[in-house]
Amino acid sequence: MTSPNSLAKCAIFLLIGATVTSAFWGVGQYFLLRDESYVGDYDYLVYVENGIIKVKNGVSGKLDFTGQNFTQIINYVLRRDDLKIFIQRAEYNLTGNILLENLKGVKIVSNGARLNLNGNKIIIRGFSWEDSAHNYVEGLIIVGGGIIIENSFMTSIKNCKFVDPEDAITLLNSNGWTECSLIERCYFINPLRRGIVFSTPTKNGTKSYANTEITQCYFELRSQNVIGVHVEPGADFNEGLLQNARFWMGAIAEFNQTGIYVEGSMLNTLLQNVVFESFATNPQSIHGLVLGEKCDPPIIGHGVVFCGNLTSNISNPHGKWVYGAGGSFKEKDVPIPLGVNGKYGPLREIGAVPHLALAITSVNVKLQVDGNFTEGEVVYVRFKFKFIDGNFSKQLEINFDKAGCIWLGNEEWLDMWPTRHVITSLVVDAMSTAEKSEVTVKVSIYGQYG
C-alpha cells in the first residue's frame, strides 16, 4: 500500500515537472522569437522540422497537429475569433485557398515565412462587415498569389512582400462594404496584373472602401500591361490616404505601365509624398496617374514627385479637374440671381468644391453688370466669405446705377479677409431697387487653393 508521504512526494514531483516544462516552453519561445518584433503570446506556433509541418499549442507547449499539407492544417486551426498564430520562417506550399471566414480579431504573424500560393488566395471574408473585423496579417512573403479582403472592417496587412502575383491585394464588396483597411510597409514585386485593386462591387455590395490607408508601400512594376493601384468603375476609395509610397516603372518593360489608374472615385483621398519613377529609355504608355472618363480624382498633396522618362505624369484625356495643395481654379461668368423691390435674391456660392474642404488662399474677382437700367434704379451686389465652419465674414457691398465692369482689388478685400480662418468659398447675392429689372449680374473668380 502506498503511503501518504509517497503520494505527496509524487504530487510535488509532478507539479515541479509541469512548472519546469512550462518554463522551458516559455523560454524556448522567447529565444525562438527574441530577434523579432513579433514577440508575444500565441495560441499556435507553426514550424517545419525534418520536412514535417508541426503546430505547437502556445498554452500547453504540446504538439496539436503534424502533417505535410499546410493548407489543410491552417484551415483546420482557423476555427474561432481572436486566434494568434505565429508561422516560423520556412517555405510552405499551398494546395488551396486559406479562408478566414466570419472571423474577428485573428492575427497571423510571421518572421518571413515564404508561402508559395500557386495561384491560390488568402481570403479574409465576412457575410457582412459585422462578421469580419480587426483581422491582421504581418510578415509573410507571398509568392504567386494574393490576399482578398471581402466585406470586412479594419483589416490590417503589414510588412508583407508579394512576389509575382496576378493581383496582390484585392478589396471586394459583395454584401455591404469593406472600410478602414490598412496596408502598411508592403513591397509588391512584379505584379503580373495589379498590385492593389479596389473592385467594382458585386451582388449586394456597396461601392464604399472609405478610409482605407496605404502607407510606406513600394511597387516594382516589371511586366507590360500592369497597374500599381487600380480603382475600378463603381468603386469608391474615398476619404482615404496614400502616402510615402513609390512606384518604379520602365526598368524592364517599357510599354503600358501605370502607377495609379482611377476609373471609380478617389474623392477626398490624399496623395502625400508619392513618387512615380520611370527608368524607361523610350517609354510607351507609361504614366504616373491615369484618370478615367467618369472618375473623381484624388487630391494631389505635398511631395508628389514624377521623375524619369514618363509618357505623361498625369494622363487626363477627359479633362477632369485635378485638385491639389497649391492648385489654381477658375469660374467664369457665374450668373447671380437678382432680387427686386430692394430684396436680395438667392445666395450663390462660388469657388467651393463639392464634398471637398479645400482652403482658398487668394482670390481675384471680376464683377460685370449689364443691361438697361430704369430711371432711378440702383443694383447692389454683396460679397462675403464662407468659412469651413459654416460662418461668414463681414460683407462687402458695391452698387451700380449703370452698366459697368470692375475688378475687386486688395483694398476691397482687406476688411473682409479674416485674421485666421479657413475660407472655403465666396458667397454673392444681388438686388435691384426697381420692381422689375432687365439688369444681369455676372461674377468671375480666379484663385488658388492652399
Protein backbone atom coordinates (compact mmCIF):
# COMPACT_ATOMS: atom_id res chain seq x y z
CA MET A 1 0.00 0.00 0.00
CA THR A 2 1.36 3.41 -0.97
CA SER A 3 1.97 5.70 1.98
CA PRO A 4 0.56 9.27 2.14
CA ASN A 5 4.13 10.59 2.17
CA SER A 6 4.89 8.80 -1.11
CA LEU A 7 1.74 10.22 -2.74
CA ALA A 8 2.67 13.69 -1.57
CA LYS A 9 6.19 13.30 -3.00
CA CYS A 10 4.77 12.14 -6.33
CA ALA A 11 2.38 15.10 -6.47
CA ILE A 12 5.20 17.53 -5.71
CA PHE A 13 7.41 15.88 -8.34
CA LEU A 14 4.67 16.12 -10.98
CA LEU A 15 3.97 19.76 -10.09
CA ILE A 16 7.68 20.65 -10.36
CA GLY A 17 7.89 18.80 -13.68
CA ALA A 18 4.91 20.69 -15.12
CA THR A 19 6.31 24.00 -13.94
CA VAL A 20 9.76 23.31 -15.43
CA THR A 21 8.22 22.15 -18.72
CA SER A 22 6.10 25.27 -18.94
CA ALA A 23 9.09 27.44 -18.12
CA PHE A 24 11.24 25.74 -20.76
CA TRP A 25 8.45 26.22 -23.33
CA GLY A 26 8.21 29.91 -22.48
CA VAL A 27 11.98 30.36 -22.59
CA GLY A 28 12.12 28.40 -25.85
CA GLN A 29 9.50 30.64 -27.40
CA TYR A 30 11.40 33.71 -26.24
CA PHE A 31 14.70 32.55 -27.73
CA LEU A 32 12.97 31.47 -30.91
CA LEU A 33 11.48 34.93 -31.39
CA ARG A 34 13.90 37.09 -29.44
CA ASP A 35 15.29 38.88 -32.50
CA GLU A 36 11.88 39.59 -33.98
CA SER A 37 9.43 42.45 -33.49
CA TYR A 38 6.67 39.85 -33.13
CA VAL A 39 7.34 38.61 -29.60
CA GLY A 40 4.07 37.89 -27.86
CA ASP A 41 1.71 35.19 -26.70
CA TYR A 42 0.42 32.94 -29.49
CA ASP A 43 -2.24 30.28 -29.48
CA TYR A 44 -0.32 28.28 -32.08
CA LEU A 45 3.24 28.15 -33.35
CA VAL A 46 3.63 26.67 -36.85
CA TYR A 47 7.06 25.48 -37.93
CA VAL A 48 8.86 22.88 -40.07
CA GLU A 49 11.03 20.16 -38.59
CA ASN A 50 12.59 17.37 -40.66
CA GLY A 51 10.25 18.17 -43.54
CA ILE A 52 7.14 17.85 -41.36
CA ILE A 53 4.86 20.81 -40.57
CA LYS A 54 4.17 20.98 -36.87
CA VAL A 55 1.64 23.02 -34.92
CA LYS A 56 2.50 23.51 -31.29
CA ASN A 57 -0.03 24.74 -28.75
CA GLY A 58 1.08 28.06 -27.31
CA VAL A 59 -0.50 27.38 -23.93
CA SER A 60 0.44 23.79 -23.22
CA GLY A 61 3.55 23.57 -25.40
CA LYS A 62 2.28 20.28 -26.80
CA LEU A 63 2.02 19.32 -30.48
CA ASP A 64 -1.59 19.61 -31.62
CA PHE A 65 -1.08 18.80 -35.31
CA THR A 66 1.56 17.43 -37.63
CA GLY A 67 1.43 16.81 -41.36
CA GLN A 68 2.58 17.88 -44.78
CA ASN A 69 -0.49 19.72 -46.10
CA PHE A 70 -0.03 23.30 -44.93
CA THR A 71 -3.36 24.49 -46.38
CA GLN A 72 -5.33 21.78 -44.61
CA ILE A 73 -3.55 22.39 -41.30
CA ILE A 74 -4.04 26.18 -41.29
CA ASN A 75 -7.70 25.97 -42.31
CA TYR A 76 -8.29 23.48 -39.51
CA VAL A 77 -6.68 25.83 -36.99
CA LEU A 78 -8.74 28.84 -38.13
CA ARG A 79 -11.88 27.94 -36.22
CA ARG A 80 -12.54 30.79 -33.74
CA ASP A 81 -12.18 34.50 -33.11
CA ASP A 82 -9.17 36.17 -31.51
CA LEU A 83 -6.68 33.49 -32.54
CA LYS A 84 -3.00 34.40 -32.62
CA ILE A 85 -0.88 32.27 -34.92
CA PHE A 86 2.87 32.57 -35.48
CA ILE A 87 4.29 30.97 -38.63
CA GLN A 88 8.02 30.41 -38.27
CA ARG A 89 10.32 31.30 -41.18
CA ALA A 90 10.36 28.39 -43.66
CA GLU A 91 8.93 27.54 -47.07
CA TYR A 92 5.34 26.32 -47.30
CA ASN A 93 3.40 25.17 -50.36
CA LEU A 94 -0.33 25.77 -50.65
CA THR A 95 -2.71 23.39 -52.41
CA GLY A 96 -5.81 25.57 -51.98
CA ASN A 97 -7.12 28.81 -50.52
CA ILE A 98 -6.64 29.82 -46.89
CA LEU A 99 -10.02 31.03 -45.64
CA LEU A 100 -10.68 33.37 -42.72
CA GLU A 101 -14.46 33.45 -42.96
CA ASN A 102 -16.65 35.27 -40.45
CA LEU A 103 -13.77 35.63 -38.01
CA LYS A 104 -12.79 38.60 -35.84
CA GLY A 105 -9.51 39.54 -34.24
CA VAL A 106 -7.46 36.79 -35.91
CA LYS A 107 -3.76 37.60 -36.04
CA ILE A 108 -1.43 35.71 -38.39
CA VAL A 109 2.18 36.81 -37.91
CA SER A 110 5.48 35.61 -39.31
CA ASN A 111 9.17 36.48 -39.37
CA GLY A 112 9.41 35.88 -43.11
CA ALA A 113 7.68 32.60 -43.92
CA ARG A 114 7.53 32.05 -47.68
CA LEU A 115 4.10 30.92 -48.81
CA ASN A 116 4.04 29.54 -52.36
CA LEU A 117 0.39 30.09 -53.15
CA ASN A 118 0.49 28.52 -56.62
CA GLY A 119 -2.33 30.78 -57.80
CA ASN A 120 -4.37 30.40 -54.61
CA LYS A 121 -5.53 33.16 -52.27
CA ILE A 122 -5.65 34.10 -48.61
CA ILE A 123 -9.31 35.15 -48.29
CA ILE A 124 -10.49 37.32 -45.41
CA ARG A 125 -14.26 37.34 -45.85
CA GLY A 126 -17.38 38.11 -43.91
CA PHE A 127 -21.01 37.57 -44.77
CA SER A 128 -21.01 41.28 -43.90
CA TRP A 129 -18.52 43.67 -42.30
CA GLU A 130 -20.02 42.89 -38.87
CA ASP A 131 -18.90 39.28 -39.22
CA SER A 132 -15.31 40.00 -40.30
CA ALA A 133 -13.41 42.66 -38.38
CA HIS A 134 -9.99 43.54 -36.94
CA ASN A 135 -8.13 40.72 -38.68
CA TYR A 136 -4.38 41.10 -39.09
CA VAL A 137 -1.67 39.62 -41.32
CA GLU A 138 2.02 40.51 -40.90
CA GLY A 139 5.46 39.41 -42.03
CA LEU A 140 4.67 36.93 -44.83
CA ILE A 141 6.39 36.52 -48.20
CA ILE A 142 3.54 35.64 -50.55
CA VAL A 143 4.57 34.16 -53.91
CA GLY A 144 2.32 33.54 -56.91
CA GLY A 145 -0.93 34.55 -55.25
CA GLY A 146 -2.59 37.27 -53.20
CA ILE A 147 -4.96 38.36 -50.46
CA ILE A 148 -8.68 39.11 -50.89
CA ILE A 149 -10.39 41.33 -48.31
CA GLU A 150 -14.16 40.97 -48.74
CA ASN A 151 -16.94 42.58 -46.67
CA SER A 152 -14.52 43.28 -43.83
CA PHE A 153 -13.85 46.08 -41.37
CA MET A 154 -10.43 47.34 -40.23
CA THR A 155 -8.30 44.62 -41.79
CA SER A 156 -4.54 45.22 -41.50
CA ILE A 157 -1.85 43.88 -43.87
CA LYS A 158 1.64 44.82 -42.69
CA ASN A 159 5.26 44.09 -43.58
CA CYS A 160 4.35 41.63 -46.31
CA LYS A 161 6.15 41.01 -49.60
CA PHE A 162 4.20 39.96 -52.68
CA VAL A 163 6.19 38.29 -55.46
CA ASP A 164 4.79 37.59 -58.95
CA PRO A 165 1.11 37.84 -58.01
CA GLU A 166 -1.69 38.20 -60.57
CA ASP A 167 -3.43 40.67 -58.23
CA ALA A 168 -1.63 41.08 -54.90
CA ILE A 169 -4.33 42.62 -52.67
CA THR A 170 -7.96 42.79 -53.78
CA LEU A 171 -10.61 44.69 -51.84
CA LEU A 172 -14.09 43.44 -52.74
CA ASN A 173 -17.65 44.21 -51.70
CA SER A 174 -20.24 41.51 -52.37
CA ASN A 175 -22.52 42.26 -49.39
CA GLY A 176 -22.13 45.62 -47.64
CA TRP A 177 -18.78 47.38 -47.54
CA THR A 178 -15.07 46.99 -46.79
CA GLU A 179 -13.77 50.06 -44.97
CA CYS A 180 -10.88 51.31 -42.83
CA SER A 181 -8.37 48.81 -44.21
CA LEU A 182 -4.67 49.41 -43.54
CA ILE A 183 -1.95 48.30 -45.97
CA GLU A 184 1.41 49.28 -44.50
CA ARG A 185 5.10 48.67 -45.29
CA CYS A 186 4.35 46.18 -48.08
CA TYR A 187 6.50 45.51 -51.14
CA PHE A 188 4.89 44.50 -54.43
CA ILE A 189 7.43 42.84 -56.73
CA ASN A 190 6.39 42.21 -60.34
CA PRO A 191 2.62 42.08 -60.12
CA LEU A 192 1.52 40.39 -63.34
CA ARG A 193 -1.65 42.45 -63.48
CA ARG A 194 -2.19 44.75 -60.48
CA GLY A 195 -0.75 45.48 -57.07
CA ILE A 196 -3.80 46.74 -55.12
CA VAL A 197 -7.32 46.60 -56.55
CA PHE A 198 -10.47 48.38 -55.36
CA SER A 199 -13.04 46.21 -57.15
CA THR A 200 -16.34 47.06 -58.78
CA PRO A 201 -18.94 45.84 -56.25
CA THR A 202 -20.87 42.64 -56.97
CA LYS A 203 -24.18 41.19 -55.75
CA ASN A 204 -25.34 43.24 -52.73
CA GLY A 205 -22.04 45.06 -52.23
CA THR A 206 -21.87 48.82 -51.86
CA LYS A 207 -19.22 50.89 -53.60
CA SER A 208 -17.54 52.07 -50.39
CA TYR A 209 -13.91 51.34 -49.48
CA ALA A 210 -13.75 54.53 -47.44
CA ASN A 211 -10.91 55.50 -45.10
CA THR A 212 -8.52 52.92 -46.48
CA GLU A 213 -4.87 53.81 -45.82
CA ILE A 214 -1.95 52.71 -47.99
CA THR A 215 1.33 53.83 -46.47
CA GLN A 216 5.05 53.06 -46.90
CA CYS A 217 4.35 50.69 -49.77
CA TYR A 218 6.56 50.10 -52.80
CA PHE A 219 5.53 48.85 -56.24
CA GLU A 220 8.10 47.38 -58.61
CA LEU A 221 6.40 47.11 -62.00
CA ARG A 222 8.47 44.83 -64.25
CA SER A 223 5.92 43.47 -66.73
CA GLN A 224 3.87 45.03 -69.52
CA ASN A 225 0.19 45.89 -69.09
CA VAL A 226 0.35 46.32 -65.30
CA ILE A 227 -1.06 48.77 -62.76
CA GLY A 228 0.18 49.58 -59.28
CA VAL A 229 -3.15 50.67 -57.75
CA HIS A 230 -6.43 50.30 -59.67
CA VAL A 231 -9.73 51.86 -58.60
CA GLU A 232 -12.28 50.09 -60.80
CA PRO A 233 -15.53 51.64 -62.09
CA GLY A 234 -18.13 51.94 -59.35
CA ALA A 235 -15.55 51.60 -56.55
CA ASP A 236 -15.12 54.48 -54.08
CA PHE A 237 -11.70 54.72 -52.45
CA ASN A 238 -12.89 57.88 -50.69
CA GLU A 239 -11.65 59.84 -47.68
CA GLY A 240 -8.52 57.74 -47.71
CA LEU A 241 -4.77 58.22 -47.71
CA LEU A 242 -1.97 57.04 -49.99
CA GLN A 243 1.32 58.29 -48.59
CA ASN A 244 5.05 57.60 -48.51
CA ALA A 245 4.72 55.25 -51.48
CA ARG A 246 6.87 54.73 -54.57
CA PHE A 247 6.12 53.28 -57.99
CA TRP A 248 9.11 52.01 -60.00
CA MET A 249 8.36 51.62 -63.71
CA GLY A 250 10.05 51.10 -67.06
CA ALA A 251 13.18 49.33 -65.88
CA ILE A 252 12.47 46.07 -67.74
CA ALA A 253 9.28 46.59 -69.74
CA GLU A 254 8.75 49.98 -71.39
CA PHE A 255 5.17 49.51 -72.54
CA ASN A 256 1.82 50.14 -70.82
CA GLN A 257 2.57 50.59 -67.14
CA THR A 258 0.52 52.81 -64.81
CA GLY A 259 1.17 53.80 -61.23
CA ILE A 260 -2.44 54.62 -60.25
CA TYR A 261 -5.44 54.13 -62.55
CA VAL A 262 -8.64 55.82 -61.35
CA GLU A 263 -11.86 54.73 -63.05
CA GLY A 264 -14.03 54.98 -59.93
CA SER A 265 -13.69 57.57 -57.19
CA MET A 266 -10.80 58.79 -55.05
CA LEU A 267 -12.78 61.80 -53.83
CA ASN A 268 -11.13 63.39 -50.79
CA THR A 269 -8.34 60.80 -50.81
CA LEU A 270 -4.96 62.45 -50.36
CA LEU A 271 -1.77 61.54 -52.20
CA GLN A 272 1.12 62.61 -49.98
CA ASN A 273 4.85 62.00 -50.60
CA VAL A 274 4.14 59.64 -53.50
CA VAL A 275 6.86 59.14 -56.13
CA PHE A 276 6.32 57.89 -59.68
CA GLU A 277 9.73 56.98 -61.10
CA SER A 278 10.39 55.65 -64.60
CA PHE A 279 13.66 54.12 -65.78
CA ALA A 280 12.44 53.70 -69.37
CA THR A 281 14.63 54.91 -72.23
CA ASN A 282 11.77 55.03 -74.76
CA PRO A 283 8.57 54.90 -72.69
CA GLN A 284 5.37 53.89 -74.45
CA SER A 285 2.20 54.44 -72.43
CA ILE A 286 4.00 54.70 -69.11
CA HIS A 287 2.01 57.04 -66.88
CA GLY A 288 2.18 58.07 -63.25
CA LEU A 289 -1.56 58.67 -62.83
CA VAL A 290 -4.35 57.91 -65.32
CA LEU A 291 -7.80 59.49 -64.86
CA GLY A 292 -10.80 57.76 -66.43
CA GLU A 293 -13.81 59.41 -68.01
CA LYS A 294 -16.17 59.05 -65.04
CA CYS A 295 -13.67 59.20 -62.20
CA ASP A 296 -13.32 61.52 -59.23
CA PRO A 297 -9.60 62.31 -58.95
CA PRO A 298 -7.66 62.31 -55.66
CA ILE A 299 -6.18 65.38 -54.01
CA ILE A 300 -2.57 65.90 -55.09
CA GLY A 301 -0.82 66.79 -51.83
CA HIS A 302 2.72 67.81 -50.96
CA GLY A 303 5.69 65.71 -52.00
CA VAL A 304 4.09 64.13 -55.08
CA VAL A 305 7.00 63.63 -57.50
CA PHE A 306 7.19 62.50 -61.13
CA CYS A 307 10.72 61.65 -62.25
CA GLY A 308 12.46 59.84 -65.07
CA ASN A 309 11.05 59.24 -68.54
CA LEU A 310 7.27 59.03 -68.36
CA THR A 311 4.90 59.25 -71.30
CA SER A 312 2.92 61.61 -69.07
CA ASN A 313 2.90 62.48 -65.40
CA ILE A 314 -0.91 62.54 -65.30
CA SER A 315 -2.89 61.25 -68.26
CA ASN A 316 -6.15 63.22 -68.24
CA PRO A 317 -7.76 62.84 -71.68
CA HIS A 318 -11.24 63.72 -70.41
CA GLY A 319 -10.20 66.97 -68.73
CA LYS A 320 -11.07 66.02 -65.14
CA TRP A 321 -10.45 68.76 -62.59
CA VAL A 322 -7.30 67.80 -60.68
CA TYR A 323 -7.35 69.07 -57.10
CA GLY A 324 -4.26 69.73 -55.09
CA ALA A 325 -2.45 71.74 -52.44
CA GLY A 326 -1.33 74.93 -54.12
CA GLY A 327 -3.67 74.31 -57.08
CA SER A 328 -5.45 77.02 -59.03
CA PHE A 329 -9.11 77.34 -60.01
CA LYS A 330 -11.31 79.49 -62.22
CA GLU A 331 -15.05 80.01 -62.56
CA LYS A 332 -16.10 82.36 -65.33
CA ASP A 333 -19.30 84.40 -65.80
CA VAL A 334 -21.28 82.87 -62.95
CA PRO A 335 -24.82 84.39 -63.11
CA ILE A 336 -26.06 85.93 -59.86
CA PRO A 337 -29.85 85.87 -59.34
CA LEU A 338 -31.18 89.43 -58.99
CA GLY A 339 -33.76 90.22 -56.36
CA VAL A 340 -36.15 93.16 -56.88
CA ASN A 341 -38.02 95.69 -54.76
CA GLY A 342 -34.97 96.15 -52.54
CA LYS A 343 -34.78 92.48 -51.53
CA TYR A 344 -31.70 90.38 -52.16
CA GLY A 345 -32.01 87.31 -54.37
CA PRO A 346 -30.75 83.81 -53.53
CA LEU A 347 -27.14 83.36 -52.44
CA ARG A 348 -24.72 81.96 -54.99
CA GLU A 349 -21.64 80.14 -53.63
CA ILE A 350 -18.58 80.40 -55.87
CA GLY A 351 -15.25 78.59 -55.63
CA ALA A 352 -16.49 75.76 -53.40
CA VAL A 353 -15.61 72.22 -54.46
CA PRO A 354 -18.44 69.77 -53.73
CA HIS A 355 -17.60 67.41 -50.84
CA LEU A 356 -14.07 68.85 -50.51
CA ALA A 357 -12.79 71.18 -47.81
CA LEU A 358 -10.07 72.89 -49.83
CA ALA A 359 -8.96 76.24 -48.42
CA ILE A 360 -8.94 79.29 -50.68
CA THR A 361 -5.73 81.28 -50.15
CA SER A 362 -6.16 84.00 -52.75
CA VAL A 363 -8.97 85.34 -54.96
CA ASN A 364 -9.35 87.75 -57.82
CA VAL A 365 -12.90 88.70 -58.69
CA LYS A 366 -14.40 90.37 -61.74
CA LEU A 367 -17.88 91.85 -61.37
CA GLN A 368 -19.85 92.61 -64.52
CA VAL A 369 -23.24 94.36 -64.57
CA ASP A 370 -25.04 94.60 -67.93
CA GLY A 371 -28.44 95.62 -69.27
CA ASN A 372 -30.75 98.62 -69.32
CA PHE A 373 -31.28 100.46 -66.04
CA THR A 374 -34.64 102.11 -65.47
CA GLU A 375 -34.76 105.65 -64.14
CA GLY A 376 -33.59 105.74 -60.55
CA GLU A 377 -32.73 102.02 -60.47
CA VAL A 378 -29.76 101.00 -58.34
CA VAL A 379 -28.31 97.50 -58.28
CA TYR A 380 -26.47 96.29 -55.19
CA VAL A 381 -24.06 93.32 -55.19
CA ARG A 382 -22.96 91.85 -51.88
CA PHE A 383 -19.90 89.66 -51.20
CA LYS A 384 -18.84 87.66 -48.13
CA PHE A 385 -16.50 84.78 -47.41
CA LYS A 386 -17.82 81.46 -46.16
CA PHE A 387 -15.59 79.68 -43.65
CA ILE A 388 -15.06 75.98 -43.10
CA ASP A 389 -17.28 76.01 -40.00
CA GLY A 390 -20.21 77.49 -41.97
CA ASN A 391 -19.87 81.01 -40.58
CA PHE A 392 -19.41 84.12 -42.71
CA SER A 393 -17.07 87.10 -42.81
CA LYS A 394 -18.04 90.75 -42.86
CA GLN A 395 -19.72 91.72 -46.08
CA LEU A 396 -18.67 94.00 -48.91
CA GLU A 397 -21.44 95.81 -50.79
CA ILE A 398 -21.00 97.53 -54.17
CA ASN A 399 -23.69 99.48 -56.02
CA PHE A 400 -24.26 100.38 -59.68
CA ASP A 401 -26.60 102.89 -61.31
CA LYS A 402 -25.46 101.94 -64.79
CA ALA A 403 -23.79 99.05 -66.59
CA GLY A 404 -20.16 98.52 -65.78
CA CYS A 405 -17.32 96.11 -65.05
CA ILE A 406 -14.85 96.26 -62.18
CA TRP A 407 -12.09 94.09 -60.69
CA LEU A 408 -12.10 93.88 -56.91
CA GLY A 409 -8.64 94.57 -55.51
CA ASN A 410 -6.85 94.15 -52.20
CA GLU A 411 -8.40 97.25 -50.64
CA GLU A 412 -11.90 95.86 -51.12
CA TRP A 413 -10.96 92.50 -49.58
CA LEU A 414 -8.90 93.90 -46.69
CA ASP A 415 -11.77 94.47 -44.26
CA MET A 416 -13.41 91.11 -45.11
CA TRP A 417 -10.27 88.97 -45.02
CA PRO A 418 -10.05 87.04 -41.73
CA THR A 419 -7.09 87.22 -39.38
CA ARG A 420 -7.05 83.44 -39.01
CA HIS A 421 -9.62 81.17 -40.63
CA VAL A 422 -10.09 78.72 -43.47
CA ILE A 423 -12.01 80.19 -46.43
CA THR A 424 -13.96 77.65 -48.48
CA SER A 425 -15.94 79.85 -50.89
CA LEU A 426 -17.07 83.32 -51.88
CA VAL A 427 -20.81 83.95 -51.43
CA VAL A 428 -22.56 86.54 -53.62
CA ASP A 429 -26.10 87.89 -53.83
CA ALA A 430 -27.64 90.86 -55.59
CA MET A 431 -30.73 93.08 -55.62
CA SER A 432 -32.35 95.89 -57.58
CA THR A 433 -34.35 98.76 -56.15
CA ALA A 434 -36.76 98.53 -59.10
CA GLU A 435 -39.95 96.45 -59.22
CA LYS A 436 -38.75 94.83 -62.44
CA SER A 437 -35.25 94.77 -63.86
CA GLU A 438 -33.53 93.91 -67.11
CA VAL A 439 -30.09 94.07 -65.46
CA THR A 440 -27.86 90.98 -65.31
CA VAL A 441 -25.03 90.36 -62.84
CA LYS A 442 -22.12 88.02 -63.51
CA VAL A 443 -19.11 87.18 -61.37
CA SER A 444 -15.85 85.58 -62.48
CA ILE A 445 -13.40 84.32 -59.88
CA TYR A 446 -9.76 83.24 -60.21
CA GLY A 447 -7.72 81.99 -57.29
CA GLN A 448 -5.63 79.39 -55.53
CA TYR A 449 -6.23 76.63 -53.05
CA GLY A 450 -3.84 76.19 -50.16
